[in-house]
Amino acid sequence: MENRLITQTELNHLSSTVNKSFLTENIHKIYDDLVINHAENNEYIVNVLFSKMTKDNRFDKISDESKMLMVDTALSCLSNVLKTFDLKNKTSILHKKNKELTDLFFKNYEEKLLSLKEEIKKNQEDFLELQQNANDMSLGKLANAINEFHNPNMATDVSNQDIDDLLNGGTLEF
């Protein structure tokens, strides 16, 4: 990500996103605290909804007990809707984060793969050069070159005595 100044529009968008996230994460908690768990508020809201149902002639054939059960069910459903909305928002955020991390992983993987391909190509070129020059080298120089090619971090020289031992039936370790 390149370093640059954040414009006021971007800052406002970032603030609104943060505020929206805060509200969706906390609205069901606030609702539960103010409506479900607070008896006075719950009673007030239930009574308001019950009186609206009583005044509405669509509910004339329903008993008062059923109306109260409907109000309680509606409040529970509202709480569940708010919690579901929060979960969907969190899921969406996690999906976006997962996509970003997956893209970053693949980008790093591709870079590492490219680096390994370049290293393999360089090793092939070094080996072909060694193969072409092998006829012009003495056995000691060739053994040292192979040893260096095999493990460049561990440079051990092959002495003339090692070559003599090899030619007399011994072994030579690289």
Protein backbone atom coordinates (compact mmCIF):
# COMPACT_ATOMS: atom_id res chain seq x y z
CA MET A 1 0.00 0.00 0.00
CA GLU A 2 1.46 3.34 -0.99
CA ASN A 3 1.83 6.15 1.53
CA ARG A 4 -0.40 9.09 0.71
CA LEU A 5 -2.60 11.64 2.41
CA ILE A 6 -6.11 10.59 3.33
CA THR A 7 -8.77 12.89 1.92
CA GLN A 8 -11.67 14.19 3.99
CA THR A 9 -14.09 12.03 1.98
CA GLU A 10 -12.06 8.91 2.71
CA LEU A 11 -11.82 9.89 6.38
CA ASN A 12 -15.60 10.38 6.56
CA HIS A 13 -16.14 7.00 4.87
CA LEU A 14 -13.74 5.34 7.30
CA SER A 15 -15.52 6.99 10.25
CA SER A 16 -18.94 5.95 8.98
CA THR A 17 -17.71 2.38 8.48
CA VAL A 18 -16.31 2.29 12.01
CA ASN A 19 -19.52 3.79 13.43
CA LYS A 20 -21.68 1.34 11.47
CA SER A 21 -19.58 -1.56 12.74
CA PHE A 22 -19.87 -0.28 16.30
CA LEU A 23 -23.65 0.03 16.02
CA THR A 24 -24.18 -3.37 14.43
CA GLU A 25 -21.94 -5.01 17.02
CA ASN A 26 -23.69 -3.35 19.95
CA ILE A 27 -27.30 -2.65 18.95
CA HIS A 28 -28.55 -6.08 20.02
CA LYS A 29 -26.75 -5.70 23.37
CA ILE A 30 -28.29 -2.27 23.86
CA TYR A 31 -31.69 -3.62 22.82
CA ASP A 32 -31.37 -6.52 25.25
CA ASP A 33 -30.28 -4.20 28.07
CA LEU A 34 -32.97 -1.58 27.46
CA VAL A 35 -35.91 -3.69 26.34
CA ILE A 36 -35.53 -7.34 27.25
CA ASN A 37 -33.65 -7.14 30.56
CA HIS A 38 -35.05 -3.85 31.87
CA ALA A 39 -38.50 -4.62 33.28
CA GLU A 40 -39.90 -1.09 33.18
CA ASN A 41 -38.91 -0.50 29.56
CA ASN A 42 -40.09 -3.95 28.56
CA GLU A 43 -43.44 -3.42 30.25
CA TYR A 44 -43.83 0.01 28.63
CA ILE A 45 -43.05 -1.29 25.13
CA VAL A 46 -45.29 -4.33 25.59
CA ASN A 47 -48.15 -2.07 26.75
CA VAL A 48 -47.67 0.32 23.80
CA LEU A 49 -47.70 -2.53 21.29
CA PHE A 50 -50.63 -4.21 23.05
CA SER A 51 -52.68 -0.98 22.99
CA LYS A 52 -51.93 -0.51 19.28
CA MET A 53 -53.11 -4.06 18.62
CA THR A 54 -56.24 -3.46 20.69
CA LYS A 55 -57.07 -0.31 18.69
CA ASP A 56 -56.48 -2.06 15.36
CA ASN A 57 -59.64 -3.84 14.22
CA ARG A 58 -57.58 -6.53 12.43
CA PHE A 59 -56.88 -8.02 15.87
CA ASP A 60 -60.48 -7.96 17.17
CA LYS A 61 -60.93 -11.72 16.98
CA ILE A 62 -57.71 -12.42 18.91
CA SER A 63 -57.82 -12.76 22.69
CA ASP A 64 -55.83 -10.39 24.91
CA GLU A 65 -53.67 -13.27 26.09
CA SER A 66 -52.78 -14.15 22.48
CA LYS A 67 -52.03 -10.49 21.76
CA MET A 68 -49.60 -10.41 24.71
CA LEU A 69 -47.93 -13.59 23.47
CA MET A 70 -47.67 -12.05 19.99
CA VAL A 71 -46.01 -8.92 21.41
CA ASP A 72 -43.53 -11.00 23.43
CA THR A 73 -42.79 -13.11 20.36
CA ALA A 74 -42.34 -9.99 18.22
CA LEU A 75 -39.86 -8.52 20.72
CA SER A 76 -37.93 -11.79 20.82
CA CYS A 77 -37.91 -11.92 17.04
CA LEU A 78 -36.67 -8.34 16.87
CA SER A 79 -33.84 -9.21 19.22
CA ASN A 80 -32.96 -12.23 17.05
CA VAL A 81 -33.11 -10.12 13.88
CA LEU A 82 -30.66 -7.64 15.38
CA LYS A 83 -28.33 -10.44 16.44
CA THR A 84 -28.59 -12.03 12.99
CA PHE A 85 -27.80 -8.70 11.34
CA ASP A 86 -24.72 -8.39 13.55
CA LEU A 87 -23.61 -11.94 12.69
CA LYS A 88 -24.09 -11.33 8.97
CA ASN A 89 -22.06 -8.13 9.20
CA LYS A 90 -19.27 -9.93 11.08
CA THR A 91 -19.37 -12.77 8.55
CA SER A 92 -19.09 -10.30 5.71
CA ILE A 93 -16.11 -8.61 7.35
CA LEU A 94 -14.46 -12.00 7.93
CA HIS A 95 -15.03 -13.00 4.29
CA LYS A 96 -13.41 -9.76 3.11
CA LYS A 97 -10.47 -10.26 5.48
CA ASN A 98 -10.15 -13.88 4.38
CA LYS A 99 -10.08 -12.83 0.71
CA GLU A 100 -7.41 -10.21 1.45
CA LEU A 101 -5.29 -12.75 3.32
CA THR A 102 -5.76 -15.37 0.61
CA ASP A 103 -4.75 -12.88 -2.07
CA LEU A 104 -1.71 -11.88 -0.02
CA PHE A 105 -0.78 -15.54 0.49
CA PHE A 106 -1.01 -16.26 -3.24
CA LYS A 107 0.99 -13.14 -4.07
CA ASN A 108 3.75 -14.17 -1.63
CA TYR A 109 3.56 -17.76 -2.88
CA GLU A 110 3.94 -16.63 -6.51
CA GLU A 111 6.91 -14.42 -5.57
CA LYS A 112 8.57 -17.30 -3.70
CA LEU A 113 7.86 -19.67 -6.59
CA LEU A 114 9.36 -17.21 -9.07
CA SER A 115 12.40 -16.81 -6.83
CA LEU A 116 12.84 -20.59 -6.65
CA LYS A 117 12.48 -20.92 -10.43
CA GLU A 118 15.18 -18.28 -10.90
CA GLU A 119 17.45 -20.09 -8.43
CA ILE A 120 16.87 -23.40 -10.26
CA LYS A 121 17.68 -21.73 -13.58
CA LYS A 122 20.89 -20.23 -12.12
CA ASN A 123 21.88 -23.63 -10.69
CA GLN A 124 21.25 -25.27 -14.06
CA GLU A 125 23.42 -22.66 -15.79
CA ASP A 126 26.18 -23.13 -13.17
CA PHE A 127 25.99 -26.91 -13.59
CA LEU A 128 26.15 -26.68 -17.39
CA GLU A 129 29.17 -24.37 -17.11
CA LEU A 130 30.80 -26.81 -14.69
CA GLN A 131 30.02 -29.67 -17.06
CA GLN A 132 31.63 -27.84 -19.98
CA ASN A 133 34.74 -26.94 -17.98
CA ALA A 134 35.10 -30.37 -16.35
CA ASN A 135 37.41 -31.69 -19.06
CA ASP A 136 39.89 -28.84 -18.52
CA MET A 137 40.03 -29.22 -14.71
CA SER A 138 42.21 -31.47 -12.63
CA LEU A 139 40.43 -34.02 -10.46
CA GLY A 140 41.10 -31.90 -7.33
CA LYS A 141 39.66 -28.72 -8.88
CA LEU A 142 36.68 -30.67 -10.25
CA ALA A 143 36.01 -32.25 -6.83
CA ASN A 144 36.27 -28.83 -5.16
CA ALA A 145 33.91 -27.30 -7.75
CA ILE A 146 31.37 -30.12 -7.29
CA ASN A 147 31.70 -29.82 -3.51
CA GLU A 148 31.07 -26.05 -3.72
CA PHE A 149 28.16 -26.57 -6.12
CA HIS A 150 26.65 -29.24 -3.87
CA ASN A 151 26.81 -27.13 -0.70
CA PRO A 152 28.05 -23.56 -1.18
CA ASN A 153 27.69 -22.76 2.53
CA MET A 154 30.18 -25.42 3.54
CA ALA A 155 33.43 -24.92 1.61
CA THR A 156 35.76 -27.87 2.18
CA ASP A 157 38.73 -28.31 -0.07
CA VAL A 158 39.60 -31.70 -1.50
CA SER A 159 43.33 -32.29 -1.16
CA ASN A 160 45.62 -34.20 -3.47
CA GLN A 161 45.82 -36.88 -0.75
CA ASP A 162 41.99 -37.26 -0.94
CA ILE A 163 42.27 -37.76 -4.72
CA ASP A 164 45.05 -40.35 -4.29
CA ASP A 165 42.96 -42.19 -1.68
CA LEU A 166 39.98 -42.16 -4.09
CA LEU A 167 42.03 -43.53 -6.95
CA ASN A 168 43.40 -46.29 -4.69
CA GLY A 169 39.88 -47.55 -3.91
CA GLY A 170 38.75 -45.15 -1.21
CA THR A 171 35.70 -42.93 -1.13
CA LEU A 172 35.29 -39.22 -1.45
CA GLU A 173 32.50 -37.43 0.37
CA PHE A 174 30.91 -34.28 -0.92
